[in-house]
N, C-alpha and C. Protein backbone atom coordinates (compact mmCIF):
# COMPACT_ATOMS: atom_id res chain seq x y z
N MET A 1 -2.94 20.03 -7.57
CA MET A 1 -2.43 18.16 -7.84
C MET A 1 -4.05 17.71 -7.24
N GLY A 2 -4.46 16.76 -7.91
CA GLY A 2 -5.65 16.22 -7.26
C GLY A 2 -5.12 14.77 -6.34
N ASP A 3 -5.98 14.08 -6.38
CA ASP A 3 -5.98 12.82 -5.55
C ASP A 3 -4.95 11.73 -5.96
N VAL A 4 -5.02 11.80 -7.38
CA VAL A 4 -4.11 10.80 -8.14
C VAL A 4 -3.40 11.50 -9.29
N GLU A 5 -2.15 11.38 -9.65
CA GLU A 5 -1.62 11.73 -10.83
C GLU A 5 -0.89 10.44 -11.68
N TYR A 6 -1.11 10.50 -12.61
CA TYR A 6 -0.60 9.59 -13.56
C TYR A 6 0.41 9.83 -14.53
N GLY A 7 1.28 8.97 -14.83
CA GLY A 7 2.28 9.16 -15.83
C GLY A 7 3.36 8.51 -15.39
N PHE A 8 4.44 8.61 -16.18
CA PHE A 8 6.01 7.86 -15.97
C PHE A 8 6.49 8.85 -14.91
N ILE A 9 6.37 8.80 -13.43
CA ILE A 9 6.71 9.84 -12.71
C ILE A 9 8.10 9.74 -12.31
N GLN A 10 8.59 8.51 -12.13
CA GLN A 10 10.05 8.31 -11.76
C GLN A 10 10.59 6.90 -12.28
N THR A 11 11.82 6.57 -12.30
CA THR A 11 12.20 5.48 -12.61
C THR A 11 13.25 5.04 -11.64
N ALA A 12 13.46 3.65 -11.40
CA ALA A 12 14.84 3.56 -10.75
C ALA A 12 14.98 1.85 -11.13
N ASP A 13 16.26 1.41 -10.52
CA ASP A 13 16.62 -0.10 -10.80
C ASP A 13 15.96 -0.93 -9.96
N GLU A 14 15.16 -0.40 -8.80
CA GLU A 14 14.27 -1.34 -8.13
C GLU A 14 13.38 -0.41 -7.20
N ILE A 15 12.28 -0.90 -6.77
CA ILE A 15 11.10 -0.17 -6.20
C ILE A 15 11.93 0.18 -4.81
N PRO A 16 12.04 1.61 -4.47
CA PRO A 16 12.54 2.06 -3.24
C PRO A 16 11.94 1.74 -2.00
N GLY A 17 12.59 1.36 -0.94
CA GLY A 17 12.40 1.48 0.60
C GLY A 17 11.39 0.03 0.53
N GLY A 18 10.68 0.14 1.91
CA GLY A 18 9.82 -0.92 2.25
C GLY A 18 10.67 -2.43 2.56
N ARG A 19 10.19 -3.33 2.86
CA ARG A 19 10.50 -4.73 3.31
C ARG A 19 10.48 -4.99 1.97
N GLY A 20 11.91 -6.05 1.51
CA GLY A 20 12.20 -6.98 0.36
C GLY A 20 12.46 -5.95 -0.79
N GLY A 21 12.23 -4.45 -0.83
CA GLY A 21 12.62 -3.85 -1.87
C GLY A 21 11.67 -3.63 -3.37
N ARG A 22 11.34 -5.24 -3.44
CA ARG A 22 10.68 -5.26 -4.81
C ARG A 22 9.10 -5.69 -4.13
N GLY A 23 9.00 -5.58 -4.15
CA GLY A 23 7.75 -5.89 -3.46
C GLY A 23 6.84 -6.78 -4.44
N GLY A 24 -7.14 1.82 -13.31
CA GLY A 24 -7.85 2.42 -14.65
C GLY A 24 -7.35 2.10 -15.82
N SER A 25 -7.51 1.76 -16.40
CA SER A 25 -7.12 1.46 -17.74
C SER A 25 -5.82 2.37 -18.34
N ARG A 26 -5.64 3.70 -17.85
CA ARG A 26 -4.37 4.27 -17.98
C ARG A 26 -3.42 3.51 -17.42
N LEU A 27 -3.77 2.89 -16.43
CA LEU A 27 -2.39 2.12 -15.33
C LEU A 27 -2.13 0.84 -16.47
N ASN A 28 -3.16 0.28 -16.85
CA ASN A 28 -2.76 -0.89 -17.54
C ASN A 28 -2.05 -0.48 -18.80
N ASP A 29 -2.46 0.64 -19.64
CA ASP A 29 -1.67 1.10 -20.74
C ASP A 29 -0.11 1.41 -20.22
N MET A 30 0.06 1.93 -19.32
CA MET A 30 1.56 2.21 -18.82
C MET A 30 2.14 0.86 -18.57
N VAL A 31 1.51 0.10 -18.02
CA VAL A 31 2.22 -1.42 -17.80
C VAL A 31 2.43 -2.21 -19.17
N ASP A 32 1.47 -2.29 -19.86
CA ASP A 32 1.56 -2.83 -21.01
C ASP A 32 2.83 -2.10 -22.03
N GLU A 33 2.94 -0.84 -21.76
CA GLU A 33 4.04 -0.06 -22.32
C GLU A 33 5.33 -0.47 -21.98
N ILE A 34 5.52 -0.62 -20.52
CA ILE A 34 6.62 -1.16 -19.78
C ILE A 34 7.17 -2.67 -20.23
N ILE A 35 6.03 -3.46 -20.67
CA ILE A 35 6.23 -4.83 -21.00
C ILE A 35 6.54 -4.72 -22.53
N GLU A 36 6.14 -3.92 -23.34
CA GLU A 36 6.44 -3.53 -24.42
C GLU A 36 7.86 -3.55 -25.00
N HIS A 37 8.30 -2.40 -24.00
CA HIS A 37 9.83 -2.01 -24.24
C HIS A 37 10.64 -2.83 -23.57
N GLY A 38 10.16 -3.67 -22.60
CA GLY A 38 11.34 -4.87 -22.32
C GLY A 38 12.28 -4.51 -21.26
N GLU A 39 12.42 -3.12 -20.87
CA GLU A 39 13.66 -3.05 -20.02
C GLU A 39 13.30 -3.19 -18.68
N LYS A 40 14.30 -3.91 -17.90
CA LYS A 40 14.28 -4.29 -16.55
C LYS A 40 14.27 -2.97 -15.88
N GLY A 41 13.48 -2.80 -14.67
CA GLY A 41 13.45 -1.52 -13.93
C GLY A 41 12.35 -1.45 -12.94
N ALA A 42 12.42 -0.45 -12.35
CA ALA A 42 11.18 0.00 -11.71
C ALA A 42 10.73 1.10 -12.14
N TYR A 43 9.31 1.44 -12.04
CA TYR A 43 8.70 2.61 -12.46
C TYR A 43 7.68 3.10 -11.63
N CYS A 44 7.68 4.19 -11.04
CA CYS A 44 6.43 5.00 -10.43
C CYS A 44 5.59 5.34 -11.59
N ILE A 45 4.21 4.71 -11.80
CA ILE A 45 3.33 5.09 -12.64
C ILE A 45 2.16 5.99 -12.14
N ALA A 46 1.75 6.07 -10.77
CA ALA A 46 0.86 7.05 -10.31
C ALA A 46 1.36 7.68 -8.95
N VAL A 47 0.79 8.61 -8.63
CA VAL A 47 1.20 9.13 -7.18
C VAL A 47 -0.37 9.19 -6.81
N TYR A 48 -0.57 8.79 -5.43
CA TYR A 48 -1.58 8.94 -4.75
C TYR A 48 -1.60 10.23 -3.63
N VAL A 49 -2.41 10.77 -3.03
CA VAL A 49 -2.73 11.44 -1.74
C VAL A 49 -2.85 10.46 -0.59
N LYS A 50 -3.74 9.68 -0.69
CA LYS A 50 -4.16 8.37 0.24
C LYS A 50 -3.34 7.36 0.03
N LYS A 51 -2.90 6.83 1.01
CA LYS A 51 -1.95 5.36 1.03
C LYS A 51 -2.81 4.18 0.54
N THR A 52 -4.13 4.36 1.32
CA THR A 52 -5.05 3.28 0.95
C THR A 52 -5.10 3.23 -0.54
N ALA A 53 -5.41 4.13 -1.32
CA ALA A 53 -5.72 4.24 -2.79
C ALA A 53 -4.46 3.68 -3.66
N ALA A 54 -3.45 3.85 -3.10
CA ALA A 54 -2.43 3.41 -3.66
C ALA A 54 -2.16 1.84 -3.66
N GLY A 55 -2.48 1.49 -2.13
CA GLY A 55 -2.27 -0.21 -1.88
C GLY A 55 -3.53 -0.91 -2.65
N GLY A 56 -4.42 -0.20 -3.01
CA GLY A 56 -5.68 -0.74 -3.62
C GLY A 56 -5.36 -1.13 -5.27
N ALA A 57 -4.82 0.29 -5.62
CA ALA A 57 -4.21 0.02 -7.03
C ALA A 57 -3.41 -0.95 -7.36
N ALA A 58 -2.39 -1.41 -6.15
CA ALA A 58 -1.49 -1.88 -6.51
C ALA A 58 -2.13 -3.44 -6.40
N ASN A 59 -2.85 -3.75 -5.79
CA ASN A 59 -3.68 -5.09 -5.51
C ASN A 59 -4.49 -5.34 -6.75
N VAL A 60 -5.05 -4.43 -7.37
CA VAL A 60 -5.82 -4.62 -8.72
C VAL A 60 -4.92 -5.03 -9.71
N MET A 61 -3.81 -4.04 -9.55
CA MET A 61 -2.72 -4.74 -10.76
C MET A 61 -2.11 -6.01 -10.51
N ARG A 62 -2.04 -6.64 -9.25
CA ARG A 62 -1.62 -7.81 -9.15
C ARG A 62 -2.64 -8.97 -9.58
N GLN A 63 -3.93 -8.54 -9.31
CA GLN A 63 -5.02 -9.53 -9.68
C GLN A 63 -4.80 -9.56 -11.53
N ARG A 64 -4.86 -8.45 -11.98
CA ARG A 64 -4.87 -8.44 -13.57
C ARG A 64 -3.48 -8.94 -14.22
N TYR A 65 -2.26 -8.73 -13.25
CA TYR A 65 -1.01 -9.19 -14.09
C TYR A 65 -0.31 -10.27 -13.41
N GLY A 66 -0.65 -10.67 -12.10
CA GLY A 66 0.01 -11.68 -11.67
C GLY A 66 0.51 -11.41 -10.16
N ARG A 67 0.29 -12.19 -9.19
CA ARG A 67 0.54 -11.97 -7.80
C ARG A 67 2.26 -12.06 -7.64
N ASN A 68 2.77 -13.04 -8.33
CA ASN A 68 4.14 -13.11 -8.21
C ASN A 68 4.82 -12.89 -9.75
N ILE A 69 6.09 -12.35 -9.49
CA ILE A 69 7.25 -12.03 -10.79
C ILE A 69 7.08 -13.11 -11.78
N GLY A 70 7.24 -14.42 -11.46
CA GLY A 70 6.98 -15.36 -12.18
C GLY A 70 5.87 -15.33 -13.35
N VAL A 71 4.92 -14.83 -12.96
CA VAL A 71 3.50 -14.69 -14.17
C VAL A 71 4.05 -14.20 -15.23
N ARG A 72 4.15 -12.72 -15.08
CA ARG A 72 4.58 -12.07 -16.32
C ARG A 72 5.97 -10.74 -16.10
N GLY A 73 6.53 -11.20 -14.85
CA GLY A 73 7.71 -10.61 -14.68
C GLY A 73 7.56 -9.02 -13.91
N LEU A 74 6.27 -9.07 -13.59
CA LEU A 74 5.97 -7.77 -12.81
C LEU A 74 5.79 -8.13 -11.27
N THR A 75 5.84 -7.05 -10.54
CA THR A 75 6.01 -6.72 -9.41
C THR A 75 5.21 -5.51 -8.96
N PHE A 76 4.16 -5.37 -8.30
CA PHE A 76 3.61 -4.04 -7.79
C PHE A 76 3.48 -3.80 -6.22
N ALA A 77 3.92 -2.34 -6.06
CA ALA A 77 3.95 -2.04 -4.69
C ALA A 77 3.70 -0.53 -4.44
N SER A 78 3.08 -0.31 -3.30
CA SER A 78 2.81 1.06 -3.02
C SER A 78 4.24 1.78 -1.90
N ARG A 79 4.69 2.62 -2.41
CA ARG A 79 5.73 3.12 -1.51
C ARG A 79 5.65 4.66 -1.58
N ARG A 80 6.27 5.44 -0.28
CA ARG A 80 6.09 6.79 -0.31
C ARG A 80 7.22 7.16 -1.10
N THR A 81 6.83 8.30 -2.26
CA THR A 81 7.49 8.95 -3.33
C THR A 81 7.78 10.46 -3.20
N LYS A 82 8.95 10.89 -3.26
CA LYS A 82 8.97 12.47 -3.13
C LYS A 82 9.03 12.75 -4.54
N LEU A 83 8.23 13.98 -4.62
CA LEU A 83 8.08 14.50 -5.99
C LEU A 83 9.08 15.60 -6.37
N GLU A 84 9.09 15.99 -7.47
CA GLU A 84 10.10 16.95 -8.11
C GLU A 84 10.10 18.30 -7.21
N ASN A 85 8.87 18.69 -6.94
CA ASN A 85 8.24 19.94 -6.07
C ASN A 85 8.40 19.83 -4.62
N GLY A 86 9.03 18.48 -4.34
CA GLY A 86 9.32 18.43 -2.79
C GLY A 86 8.26 17.82 -1.90
N ASP A 87 6.75 17.82 -2.74
CA ASP A 87 5.94 16.80 -2.02
C ASP A 87 6.06 15.49 -1.83
N GLU A 88 5.59 14.79 -0.63
CA GLU A 88 5.41 13.26 -0.81
C GLU A 88 4.11 12.85 -1.06
N ARG A 89 4.34 11.95 -1.77
CA ARG A 89 2.83 10.81 -2.05
C ARG A 89 3.22 9.65 -1.93
N THR A 90 2.19 8.70 -2.14
CA THR A 90 2.17 7.52 -2.02
C THR A 90 2.33 6.92 -3.69
N GLY A 91 3.29 6.21 -3.99
CA GLY A 91 3.44 5.95 -5.45
C GLY A 91 3.10 4.64 -5.84
N LEU A 92 2.67 4.49 -6.79
CA LEU A 92 2.06 2.97 -7.06
C LEU A 92 3.46 2.55 -8.18
N TRP A 93 4.27 1.65 -7.87
CA TRP A 93 5.57 1.34 -8.46
C TRP A 93 5.10 -0.15 -9.34
N VAL A 94 5.86 -0.28 -10.16
CA VAL A 94 5.74 -1.53 -10.90
C VAL A 94 7.21 -1.84 -11.14
N TYR A 95 7.80 -2.97 -11.03
CA TYR A 95 9.06 -3.56 -11.09
C TYR A 95 8.97 -4.56 -12.11
N TYR A 96 9.51 -4.34 -13.43
CA TYR A 96 9.80 -5.44 -14.60
C TYR A 96 11.01 -6.32 -14.71
N ASP A 97 11.06 -7.49 -14.72
CA ASP A 97 11.97 -8.23 -15.16
C ASP A 97 11.39 -8.90 -15.89
N PRO A 98 11.91 -9.19 -17.58
CA PRO A 98 11.37 -9.84 -18.60
C PRO A 98 12.06 -11.59 -18.03
N ASP A 99 13.25 -11.47 -17.42
CA ASP A 99 13.93 -12.70 -17.53
C ASP A 99 13.22 -13.42 -16.19
N ALA A 100 12.49 -13.09 -15.55
CA ALA A 100 11.89 -13.42 -14.34
C ALA A 100 10.65 -14.33 -14.62
N VAL A 101 10.13 -14.39 -15.84
CA VAL A 101 8.72 -14.96 -16.19
C VAL A 101 9.25 -16.46 -16.12
N VAL A 102 8.17 -17.24 -15.51
CA VAL A 102 8.35 -18.67 -15.34
C VAL A 102 7.20 -19.45 -16.25
N ASP A 103 7.59 -20.26 -17.17
CA ASP A 103 6.59 -21.01 -18.04
C ASP A 103 5.49 -21.72 -17.06
N GLY A 104 4.29 -21.50 -17.51
CA GLY A 104 3.05 -22.33 -16.86
C GLY A 104 2.37 -21.30 -15.67
N GLU A 105 3.14 -20.32 -15.36
CA GLU A 105 2.68 -19.27 -14.28
C GLU A 105 1.43 -18.63 -14.68
N LEU A 106 1.60 -17.99 -15.84
CA LEU A 106 0.47 -17.32 -16.38
C LEU A 106 -0.84 -18.07 -16.26
N ALA A 107 -0.69 -19.35 -16.74
CA ALA A 107 -2.07 -20.16 -16.72
C ALA A 107 -2.48 -20.42 -15.55
N LYS A 108 -1.46 -20.60 -14.60
CA LYS A 108 -1.77 -20.90 -13.14
C LYS A 108 -2.71 -19.76 -12.71
N HIS A 109 -1.81 -18.28 -12.78
CA HIS A 109 -2.66 -17.14 -12.36
C HIS A 109 -3.92 -16.89 -12.91
N GLU A 110 -3.83 -17.31 -14.02
CA GLU A 110 -5.60 -17.06 -14.87
C GLU A 110 -6.48 -17.90 -14.36
N LYS A 111 -6.22 -19.18 -13.87
CA LYS A 111 -6.96 -20.28 -13.26
C LYS A 111 -7.49 -19.77 -11.69
N ILE A 112 -6.42 -19.30 -10.87
CA ILE A 112 -6.62 -18.93 -9.69
C ILE A 112 -7.57 -17.63 -9.63
N GLU A 113 -7.31 -16.64 -10.61
CA GLU A 113 -7.99 -15.40 -10.67
C GLU A 113 -9.78 -15.78 -11.19
N LYS A 114 -10.01 -16.70 -12.05
CA LYS A 114 -10.84 -17.30 -12.53
C LYS A 114 -11.85 -17.49 -11.40
N ALA A 115 -11.21 -18.79 -10.63
CA ALA A 115 -12.11 -19.21 -9.40
C ALA A 115 -12.13 -18.07 -8.53
N ARG A 116 -11.55 -17.04 -8.38
CA ARG A 116 -11.40 -16.22 -7.37
C ARG A 116 -12.72 -15.34 -7.73
N LYS A 117 -12.98 -14.91 -8.93
CA LYS A 117 -14.07 -14.33 -9.52
C LYS A 117 -15.38 -14.85 -9.53
N VAL A 118 -15.21 -16.23 -9.72
CA VAL A 118 -16.62 -17.00 -9.46
C VAL A 118 -17.04 -17.00 -8.11
N LYS A 119 -15.94 -17.30 -7.02
CA LYS A 119 -16.37 -17.34 -5.61
C LYS A 119 -17.10 -15.90 -5.24
N LEU A 120 -16.31 -14.73 -5.61
CA LEU A 120 -16.90 -13.43 -5.34
C LEU A 120 -18.18 -13.05 -5.88
N ALA A 121 -18.32 -13.56 -7.13
CA ALA A 121 -19.67 -13.56 -7.63
C ALA A 121 -21.04 -14.25 -6.74
N ALA A 122 -20.71 -15.66 -6.61
CA ALA A 122 -21.28 -16.18 -5.99
C ALA A 122 -21.68 -15.82 -4.14
N GLN A 123 -20.65 -15.11 -3.81
CA GLN A 123 -20.86 -14.33 -2.52
C GLN A 123 -21.82 -12.92 -2.74
N LEU A 124 -21.32 -12.33 -3.94
CA LEU A 124 -22.18 -11.21 -3.91
C LEU A 124 -23.52 -11.62 -4.30
N LYS A 125 -23.81 -12.72 -4.96
CA LYS A 125 -25.16 -13.05 -5.18
C LYS A 125 -25.83 -13.57 -3.98
N ALA A 126 -25.14 -14.45 -2.97
CA ALA A 126 -25.92 -14.77 -1.72
C ALA A 126 -26.10 -13.35 -1.14
N ASN A 127 -25.31 -12.66 -0.74
CA ASN A 127 -25.49 -11.29 -0.12
C ASN A 127 -26.62 -10.65 -0.54
N LYS A 128 -26.58 -10.73 -1.98
CA LYS A 128 -28.15 -9.99 -2.39
C LYS A 128 -29.32 -10.38 -2.19
N GLU A 129 -29.21 -11.97 -2.06
CA GLU A 129 -30.41 -12.94 -1.64
C GLU A 129 -30.84 -12.56 -0.23
N LYS A 130 -29.82 -12.47 0.50
CA LYS A 130 -30.17 -12.27 2.08
C LYS A 130 -30.56 -10.87 2.09
N LYS A 131 -30.16 -10.08 1.41
CA LYS A 131 -30.61 -8.71 1.57
C LYS A 131 -32.01 -8.53 1.19
N ASP A 132 -32.36 -8.97 0.16
CA ASP A 132 -33.82 -9.07 -0.44
C ASP A 132 -34.61 -9.98 0.68
N LYS A 133 -34.39 -11.01 1.01
CA LYS A 133 -35.27 -11.75 2.06
C LYS A 133 -35.23 -10.79 3.08
N GLU A 134 -34.40 -10.07 3.72
CA GLU A 134 -34.61 -9.15 4.84
C GLU A 134 -35.40 -8.02 4.49
N ALA A 135 -35.26 -7.56 3.33
CA ALA A 135 -36.18 -6.22 2.97
C ALA A 135 -37.49 -7.07 2.99
N GLU A 136 -38.11 -8.01 2.36
CA GLU A 136 -39.15 -8.76 2.27
C GLU A 136 -39.74 -8.78 3.47
N LYS A 137 -39.12 -9.52 4.37
CA LYS A 137 -39.61 -9.82 6.04
C LYS A 137 -40.07 -8.50 6.48
N ALA A 138 -38.99 -7.31 6.66
CA ALA A 138 -39.26 -6.00 6.87
C ALA A 138 -40.45 -5.47 6.49
N GLU A 139 -40.64 -5.75 5.22
CA GLU A 139 -41.93 -5.41 4.38
C GLU A 139 -43.35 -5.70 5.00
N ALA A 140 -43.09 -7.18 4.93
CA ALA A 140 -44.27 -8.06 5.75
C ALA A 140 -44.55 -7.50 7.04
N GLU A 141 -43.57 -7.34 7.97
CA GLU A 141 -43.81 -6.86 9.22
C GLU A 141 -44.41 -5.72 9.30
N LYS A 142 -43.80 -4.64 8.44
CA LYS A 142 -44.54 -3.37 8.61
C LYS A 142 -46.07 -3.43 8.21
N ALA A 143 -46.37 -4.26 7.03
CA ALA A 143 -47.64 -4.41 6.79
C ALA A 143 -48.45 -4.97 7.61
N LYS A 144 -48.05 -6.30 8.53
CA LYS A 144 -48.78 -6.67 9.51
C LYS A 144 -48.81 -5.79 10.78
N ALA A 145 -47.90 -4.65 10.90
CA ALA A 145 -48.13 -3.79 12.12
C ALA A 145 -49.25 -2.69 11.75
N GLN A 146 -48.92 -2.31 10.46
CA GLN A 146 -49.92 -1.68 9.88
C GLN A 146 -51.39 -1.88 9.90
N ASN A 147 -51.70 -3.29 9.58
CA ASN A 147 -52.92 -4.13 9.80
C ASN A 147 -53.45 -4.21 11.00
N ALA A 148 -52.58 -4.35 12.22
CA ALA A 148 -52.95 -4.39 13.30
C ALA A 148 -53.45 -3.14 13.93
N ALA A 149 -52.63 -1.84 13.65
CA ALA A 149 -53.22 -0.72 14.02
C ALA A 149 -54.69 -0.28 13.44
N ALA A 150 -54.84 -0.72 12.38
CA ALA A 150 -56.21 -0.09 11.54
C ALA A 150 -57.27 -0.85 11.92
């Protein structure tokens, strides 16, 4: 078994364990399939060797589908999961409740995510510009030192 395994690994009425109980493209396809079938429940759609990978995947899914259940009726969480062979991994769980969707939440989520992406792009651009300036300065100092030595 590799670091991650995809598929409808388990189903349950709620995401197991943890506080509150509910808390790649293949993942998107599986979430879309859950929404399409419209059945309320919790589904483990991937298992990871590393807990941080499962948590990161859950965060990415929240960014795509909504940070609260009112956006699309979805909640994402990572929880320890026992596999059929007895191994324990950290599962990426999605809980779906189509009745929890709240009018207007999707538009609000999309607006927040767009602003987050704009802010992130600006930060990345500023970091690149800073790094480029530092590289230019280092190159100039190197050239100055070489000229002084010559």
